[in-house]
Amino acid sequence: MPRPTLSPTQAQYLQWIAAFWRSQHRSPTLLEASRHFHTSWQNAAKHILALTRKGYLHTDRKGPVRSLQILEEDGSIWQPNQLPLVGKVAAGKPILAVENRIGKITVDESFLKRGANFTLVVEGDSMVDVGILPGDKVIIRQQSSAASGQIALVLVDEEATIKRYYPLADGTVRLKAENSNYADWIVPSERCQVQGVVIGLFREIE
């Protein structure tokens, strides 16, 4: 069952707690939360309690003050240096929907500092000339736009593809493969939704 939707303030608290874990390698205290959000510790406690009740946080009431742990959708404890691994993207589903996830990958902290959100298994050979091979796991920073020439994860008519992204003046988008065997793909911009940009990759060597 999907978790309840967060209010904008609750989402800000959750994002801040995750960022704090990644930078400090520990849970924040109520005092630190209240100072960050310029509010009373009682008000900070109210938002953290709401996150707990909605299934986004776990609090060890018997433990020390720093006891907030973020929960994944499946109820497992979120690990700050791990990113979800996404397989094929299901049409009509959010890119990070549980149905799309096939595992997790531990990444270097440098990728987290650059805003990495998830990893994706590459299918096909359309980007081999820039060293992106079938079976590679690309690291994606999730965002809804891309600069001209960036390698982006794009949904075209709900089908995911990784290509160089070039918005054109006539309202179309040129998706360029890095493989001479593939022609450029010109699509109307309304059919093209940027899901993120590629900032790195992993490759397993047997």
C-alpha atoms as a PDB file:
ATOM      1  CA  MET A   1       0.000   0.000   0.000  1.00  0.00           C
ATOM      2  CA  PRO A   2       1.421   3.424  -0.939  1.00  0.00           C
ATOM      3  CA  ARG A   3       2.453   5.671   1.914  1.00  0.00           C
ATOM      4  CA  PRO A   4       0.412   8.820   2.631  1.00  0.00           C
ATOM      5  CA  THR A   5       1.438  11.949   0.749  1.00  0.00           C
ATOM      6  CA  LEU A   6       3.681  14.394   2.591  1.00  0.00           C
ATOM      7  CA  SER A   7       2.910  18.041   3.075  1.00  0.00           C
ATOM      8  CA  PRO A   8       5.480  20.449   1.580  1.00  0.00           C
ATOM      9  CA  THR A   9       6.933  21.091   5.046  1.00  0.00           C
ATOM     10  CA  GLN A  10       7.138  17.385   5.865  1.00  0.00           C
ATOM     11  CA  ALA A  11       8.916  16.769   2.558  1.00  0.00           C
ATOM     12  CA  GLN A  12      11.431  19.501   3.429  1.00  0.00           C
ATOM     13  CA  TYR A  13      12.110  17.868   6.794  1.00  0.00           C
ATOM     14  CA  LEU A  14      12.634  14.458   5.179  1.00  0.00           C
ATOM     15  CA  GLN A  15      14.991  15.869   2.543  1.00  0.00           C
ATOM     16  CA  TRP A  16      16.953  17.733   5.211  1.00  0.00           C
ATOM     17  CA  ILE A  17      17.259  14.648   7.427  1.00  0.00           C
ATOM     18  CA  ALA A  18      18.582  12.665   4.437  1.00  0.00           C
ATOM     19  CA  ALA A  19      21.081  15.402   3.578  1.00  0.00           C
ATOM     20  CA  PHE A  20      22.170  15.574   7.241  1.00  0.00           C
ATOM     21  CA  TRP A  21      22.776  11.820   7.327  1.00  0.00           C
ATOM     22  CA  ARG A  22      24.890  12.053   4.167  1.00  0.00           C
ATOM     23  CA  SER A  23      27.010  14.946   5.407  1.00  0.00           C
ATOM     24  CA  GLN A  24      27.297  14.116   9.117  1.00  0.00           C
ATOM     25  CA  HIS A  25      26.897  10.299   9.043  1.00  0.00           C
ATOM     26  CA  ARG A  26      24.441  10.443  11.937  1.00  0.00           C
ATOM     27  CA  SER A  27      20.886  11.410  12.747  1.00  0.00           C
ATOM     28  CA  PRO A  28      20.101  15.040  13.574  1.00  0.00           C
ATOM     29  CA  THR A  29      18.712  16.020  16.961  1.00  0.00           C
ATOM     30  CA  LEU A  30      15.468  17.881  17.545  1.00  0.00           C
ATOM     31  CA  LEU A  31      17.483  20.927  18.533  1.00  0.00           C
ATOM     32  CA  GLU A  32      19.423  20.814  15.255  1.00  0.00           C
ATOM     33  CA  ALA A  33      16.167  20.427  13.322  1.00  0.00           C
ATOM     34  CA  SER A  34      14.544  23.356  15.122  1.00  0.00           C
ATOM     35  CA  ARG A  35      17.574  25.558  14.505  1.00  0.00           C
ATOM     36  CA  HIS A  36      17.715  24.662  10.813  1.00  0.00           C
ATOM     37  CA  PHE A  37      14.014  25.414  10.253  1.00  0.00           C
ATOM     38  CA  HIS A  38      13.998  28.428  12.621  1.00  0.00           C
ATOM     39  CA  THR A  39      11.220  27.011  14.737  1.00  0.00           C
ATOM     40  CA  SER A  40      10.646  25.608  18.228  1.00  0.00           C
ATOM     41  CA  TRP A  41      11.772  22.089  19.046  1.00  0.00           C
ATOM     42  CA  GLN A  42       8.120  21.275  19.808  1.00  0.00           C
ATOM     43  CA  ASN A  43       7.126  22.244  16.261  1.00  0.00           C
ATOM     44  CA  ALA A  44      10.033  20.265  14.806  1.00  0.00           C
ATOM     45  CA  ALA A  45       8.950  17.273  16.914  1.00  0.00           C
ATOM     46  CA  LYS A  46       5.427  17.580  15.475  1.00  0.00           C
ATOM     47  CA  HIS A  47       6.668  17.268  11.887  1.00  0.00           C
ATOM     48  CA  ILE A  48       9.024  14.400  12.728  1.00  0.00           C
ATOM     49  CA  LEU A  49       6.178  12.561  14.472  1.00  0.00           C
ATOM     50  CA  ALA A  50       4.035  13.010  11.352  1.00  0.00           C
ATOM     51  CA  LEU A  51       6.826  11.516   9.217  1.00  0.00           C
ATOM     52  CA  THR A  52       7.022   8.580  11.610  1.00  0.00           C
ATOM     53  CA  ARG A  53       3.277   7.961  11.565  1.00  0.00           C
ATOM     54  CA  LYS A  54       3.224   8.095   7.762  1.00  0.00           C
ATOM     55  CA  GLY A  55       5.976   5.478   7.523  1.00  0.00           C
ATOM     56  CA  TYR A  56       8.863   7.648   6.331  1.00  0.00           C
ATOM     57  CA  LEU A  57      10.897   7.625   9.565  1.00  0.00           C
ATOM     58  CA  HIS A  58      11.681   5.127  12.288  1.00  0.00           C
ATOM     59  CA  THR A  59      12.513   6.361  15.788  1.00  0.00           C
ATOM     60  CA  ASP A  60      14.204   4.183  18.377  1.00  0.00           C
ATOM     61  CA  ARG A  61      12.447   5.459  21.492  1.00  0.00           C
ATOM     62  CA  LYS A  62      14.745   3.431  23.757  1.00  0.00           C
ATOM     63  CA  GLY A  63      17.918   4.653  22.109  1.00  0.00           C
ATOM     64  CA  PRO A  64      19.853   7.910  22.282  1.00  0.00           C
ATOM     65  CA  VAL A  65      18.522  11.254  21.118  1.00  0.00           C
ATOM     66  CA  ARG A  66      19.994  10.773  17.633  1.00  0.00           C
ATOM     67  CA  SER A  67      17.776   7.883  16.612  1.00  0.00           C
ATOM     68  CA  LEU A  68      15.937   8.934  13.441  1.00  0.00           C
ATOM     69  CA  GLN A  69      16.241   6.475  10.562  1.00  0.00           C
ATOM     70  CA  ILE A  70      14.692   6.965   7.131  1.00  0.00           C
ATOM     71  CA  LEU A  71      12.552   4.119   5.807  1.00  0.00           C
ATOM     72  CA  GLU A  72      12.357   2.899   2.219  1.00  0.00           C
ATOM     73  CA  GLU A  73       8.948   2.207   0.695  1.00  0.00           C
ATOM     74  CA  ASP A  74       9.383  -1.490   1.440  1.00  0.00           C
ATOM     75  CA  GLY A  75      10.026  -0.730   5.117  1.00  0.00           C
ATOM     76  CA  SER A  76      13.777  -1.359   5.040  1.00  0.00           C
ATOM     77  CA  ILE A  77      16.222   1.102   6.593  1.00  0.00           C
ATOM     78  CA  TRP A  78      17.542   3.645   4.075  1.00  0.00           C
ATOM     79  CA  GLN A  79      21.319   3.655   3.706  1.00  0.00           C
ATOM     80  CA  PRO A  80      22.795   7.110   2.955  1.00  0.00           C
ATOM     81  CA  ASN A  81      25.414   5.806   0.492  1.00  0.00           C
ATOM     82  CA  GLN A  82      23.064   3.542  -1.456  1.00  0.00           C
ATOM     83  CA  LEU A  83      20.968   4.399  -4.491  1.00  0.00           C
ATOM     84  CA  PRO A  84      18.035   2.431  -5.896  1.00  0.00           C
ATOM     85  CA  LEU A  85      18.791   0.401  -9.023  1.00  0.00           C
ATOM     86  CA  VAL A  86      16.061   0.719 -11.629  1.00  0.00           C
ATOM     87  CA  GLY A  87      15.433  -1.877 -14.329  1.00  0.00           C
ATOM     88  CA  LYS A  88      13.024  -1.285 -17.166  1.00  0.00           C
ATOM     89  CA  VAL A  89      10.872   1.780 -16.598  1.00  0.00           C
ATOM     90  CA  ALA A  90       7.205   0.832 -16.458  1.00  0.00           C
ATOM     91  CA  ALA A  91       4.979   2.997 -18.646  1.00  0.00           C
ATOM     92  CA  GLY A  92       2.823   5.383 -16.652  1.00  0.00           C
ATOM     93  CA  LYS A  93       4.762   4.816 -13.428  1.00  0.00           C
ATOM     94  CA  PRO A  94       7.048   7.291 -11.622  1.00  0.00           C
ATOM     95  CA  ILE A  95      10.685   6.517 -12.448  1.00  0.00           C
ATOM     96  CA  LEU A  96      11.382   5.500  -8.823  1.00  0.00           C
ATOM     97  CA  ALA A  97       8.177   3.517  -8.296  1.00  0.00           C
ATOM     98  CA  VAL A  98       8.681   0.321  -6.297  1.00  0.00           C
ATOM     99  CA  GLU A  99       7.675  -1.688  -9.377  1.00  0.00           C
ATOM    100  CA  ASN A 100      10.704  -0.354 -11.268  1.00  0.00           C
ATOM    101  CA  ARG A 101      13.311  -1.072  -8.572  1.00  0.00           C
ATOM    102  CA  ILE A 102      15.413  -4.217  -8.824  1.00  0.00           C
ATOM    103  CA  GLY A 103      17.992  -3.577  -6.106  1.00  0.00           C
ATOM    104  CA  LYS A 104      20.403  -1.074  -4.602  1.00  0.00           C
ATOM    105  CA  ILE A 105      23.966   0.005  -5.356  1.00  0.00           C
ATOM    106  CA  THR A 106      26.497   1.517  -2.978  1.00  0.00           C
ATOM    107  CA  VAL A 107      28.093   4.596  -4.529  1.00  0.00           C
ATOM    108  CA  ASP A 108      30.958   6.892  -3.661  1.00  0.00           C
ATOM    109  CA  GLU A 109      30.004   9.926  -1.604  1.00  0.00           C
ATOM    110  CA  SER A 110      31.187  12.223  -4.398  1.00  0.00           C
ATOM    111  CA  PHE A 111      28.191  11.187  -6.517  1.00  0.00           C
ATOM    112  CA  LEU A 112      25.817  11.920  -3.639  1.00  0.00           C
ATOM    113  CA  LYS A 113      27.302  15.400  -3.291  1.00  0.00           C
ATOM    114  CA  ARG A 114      26.536  15.925  -6.997  1.00  0.00           C
ATOM    115  CA  GLY A 115      22.879  15.090  -6.384  1.00  0.00           C
ATOM    116  CA  ALA A 116      22.709  11.472  -7.565  1.00  0.00           C
ATOM    117  CA  ASN A 117      19.235   9.957  -7.052  1.00  0.00           C
ATOM    118  CA  PHE A 118      19.235   6.514  -8.650  1.00  0.00           C
ATOM    119  CA  THR A 119      21.025   4.127 -10.999  1.00  0.00           C
ATOM    120  CA  LEU A 120      19.666   2.553 -14.157  1.00  0.00           C
ATOM    121  CA  VAL A 121      20.602  -0.574 -16.105  1.00  0.00           C
ATOM    122  CA  VAL A 122      21.560   0.301 -19.694  1.00  0.00           C
ATOM    123  CA  GLU A 123      19.916  -1.650 -22.503  1.00  0.00           C
ATOM    124  CA  GLY A 124      21.138  -1.383 -26.083  1.00  0.00           C
ATOM    125  CA  ASP A 125      24.312  -0.074 -27.704  1.00  0.00           C
ATOM    126  CA  SER A 126      23.261   3.403 -28.827  1.00  0.00           C
ATOM    127  CA  MET A 127      25.797   5.179 -26.555  1.00  0.00           C
ATOM    128  CA  VAL A 128      28.855   2.949 -26.943  1.00  0.00           C
ATOM    129  CA  ASP A 129      31.020   5.685 -28.505  1.00  0.00           C
ATOM    130  CA  VAL A 130      31.052   7.542 -25.165  1.00  0.00           C
ATOM    131  CA  GLY A 131      31.766   4.362 -23.233  1.00  0.00           C
ATOM    132  CA  ILE A 132      28.228   3.538 -22.119  1.00  0.00           C
ATOM    133  CA  LEU A 133      27.819  -0.170 -22.849  1.00  0.00           C
ATOM    134  CA  PRO A 134      24.894  -2.600 -22.558  1.00  0.00           C
ATOM    135  CA  GLY A 135      24.618  -3.815 -18.986  1.00  0.00           C
ATOM    136  CA  ASP A 136      26.328  -0.751 -17.497  1.00  0.00           C
ATOM    137  CA  LYS A 137      24.640   0.934 -14.578  1.00  0.00           C
ATOM    138  CA  VAL A 138      24.454   4.673 -15.126  1.00  0.00           C
ATOM    139  CA  ILE A 139      24.146   7.086 -12.206  1.00  0.00           C
ATOM    140  CA  ILE A 140      21.318   9.566 -12.668  1.00  0.00           C
ATOM    141  CA  ARG A 141      20.682  12.944 -11.083  1.00  0.00           C
ATOM    142  CA  GLN A 142      16.926  13.286 -11.234  1.00  0.00           C
ATOM    143  CA  GLN A 143      15.733  16.558 -12.783  1.00  0.00           C
ATOM    144  CA  SER A 144      13.100  17.704 -15.235  1.00  0.00           C
ATOM    145  CA  SER A 145      15.380  19.580 -17.647  1.00  0.00           C
ATOM    146  CA  ALA A 146      18.738  19.158 -19.346  1.00  0.00           C
ATOM    147  CA  ALA A 147      21.199  21.525 -20.963  1.00  0.00           C
ATOM    148  CA  SER A 148      21.842  21.238 -24.675  1.00  0.00           C
ATOM    149  CA  GLY A 149      24.284  18.394 -25.306  1.00  0.00           C
ATOM    150  CA  GLN A 150      23.918  16.702 -21.928  1.00  0.00           C
ATOM    151  CA  ILE A 151      23.424  12.950 -21.790  1.00  0.00           C
ATOM    152  CA  ALA A 152      19.911  12.607 -20.426  1.00  0.00           C
ATOM    153  CA  LEU A 153      17.404   9.960 -19.463  1.00  0.00           C
ATOM    154  CA  VAL A 154      14.304  10.863 -21.448  1.00  0.00           C
ATOM    155  CA  LEU A 155      10.817   9.412 -21.667  1.00  0.00           C
ATOM    156  CA  VAL A 156       9.433   9.532 -25.209  1.00  0.00           C
ATOM    157  CA  ASP A 157       5.808   8.415 -25.279  1.00  0.00           C
ATOM    158  CA  GLU A 158       6.529   6.716 -21.915  1.00  0.00           C
ATOM    159  CA  GLU A 159       9.489   4.748 -23.294  1.00  0.00           C
ATOM    160  CA  ALA A 160      12.811   5.464 -21.580  1.00  0.00           C
ATOM    161  CA  THR A 161      15.959   6.183 -23.568  1.00  0.00           C
ATOM    162  CA  ILE A 162      19.427   7.590 -22.851  1.00  0.00           C
ATOM    163  CA  LYS A 163      20.650  10.046 -25.501  1.00  0.00           C
ATOM    164  CA  ARG A 164      22.342  13.409 -25.920  1.00  0.00           C
ATOM    165  CA  TYR A 165      19.648  16.018 -25.582  1.00  0.00           C
ATOM    166  CA  TYR A 166      19.370  18.995 -27.959  1.00  0.00           C
ATOM    167  CA  PRO A 167      16.264  21.234 -27.752  1.00  0.00           C
ATOM    168  CA  LEU A 168      15.659  22.937 -31.104  1.00  0.00           C
ATOM    169  CA  ALA A 169      14.218  26.334 -31.958  1.00  0.00           C
ATOM    170  CA  ASP A 170      11.226  24.863 -33.826  1.00  0.00           C
ATOM    171  CA  GLY A 171       9.838  23.205 -30.684  1.00  0.00           C
ATOM    172  CA  THR A 172      11.266  19.775 -31.328  1.00  0.00           C
ATOM    173  CA  VAL A 173      14.058  17.899 -29.571  1.00  0.00           C
ATOM    174  CA  ARG A 174      16.971  16.115 -31.222  1.00  0.00           C
ATOM    175  CA  LEU A 175      18.013  12.976 -29.369  1.00  0.00           C
ATOM    176  CA  LYS A 176      21.468  11.999 -30.577  1.00  0.00           C
ATOM    177  CA  ALA A 177      22.906   8.516 -30.188  1.00  0.00           C
ATOM    178  CA  GLU A 178      26.645   8.096 -29.713  1.00  0.00           C
ATOM    179  CA  ASN A 179      26.837   5.270 -32.238  1.00  0.00           C
ATOM    180  CA  SER A 180      27.202   5.854 -35.979  1.00  0.00           C
ATOM    181  CA  ASN A 181      24.752   3.028 -36.673  1.00  0.00           C
ATOM    182  CA  TYR A 182      21.895   5.084 -35.246  1.00  0.00           C
ATOM    183  CA  ALA A 183      20.268   8.148 -36.826  1.00  0.00           C
ATOM    184  CA  ASP A 184      19.251  11.169 -34.781  1.00  0.00           C
ATOM    185  CA  TRP A 185      15.760  11.018 -33.335  1.00  0.00           C
ATOM    186  CA  ILE A 186      13.664  14.182 -33.798  1.00  0.00           C
ATOM    187  CA  VAL A 187      10.556  14.324 -31.604  1.00  0.00           C
ATOM    188  CA  PRO A 188       8.088  17.071 -30.612  1.00  0.00           C
ATOM    189  CA  SER A 189       9.010  18.509 -27.236  1.00  0.00           C
ATOM    190  CA  GLU A 190       5.581  17.679 -25.791  1.00  0.00           C
ATOM    191  CA  ARG A 191       6.323  13.980 -26.300  1.00  0.00           C
ATOM    192  CA  CYS A 192       9.717  14.252 -24.598  1.00  0.00           C
ATOM    193  CA  GLN A 193      10.055  14.343 -20.795  1.00  0.00           C
ATOM    194  CA  VAL A 194      13.496  14.638 -19.214  1.00  0.00           C
ATOM    195  CA  GLN A 195      13.805  12.386 -16.154  1.00  0.00           C
ATOM    196  CA  GLY A 196      17.417  13.164 -15.264  1.00  0.00           C
ATOM    197  CA  VAL A 197      20.987  13.490 -16.505  1.00  0.00           C
ATOM    198  CA  VAL A 198      23.792  10.934 -16.433  1.00  0.00           C
ATOM    199  CA  ILE A 199      26.642  11.844 -14.052  1.00  0.00           C
ATOM    200  CA  GLY A 200      28.560   8.538 -13.892  1.00  0.00           C
ATOM    201  CA  LEU A 201      28.435   4.793 -14.405  1.00  0.00           C
ATOM    202  CA  PHE A 202      29.380   1.414 -12.959  1.00  0.00           C
ATOM    203  CA  ARG A 203      30.591  -1.586 -14.923  1.00  0.00           C
ATOM    204  CA  GLU A 204      31.091  -5.118 -13.680  1.00  0.00           C
ATOM    205  CA  ILE A 205      34.140  -6.902 -15.085  1.00  0.00           C
ATOM    206  CA  GLU A 206      34.156 -10.679 -15.003  1.00  0.00           C
END
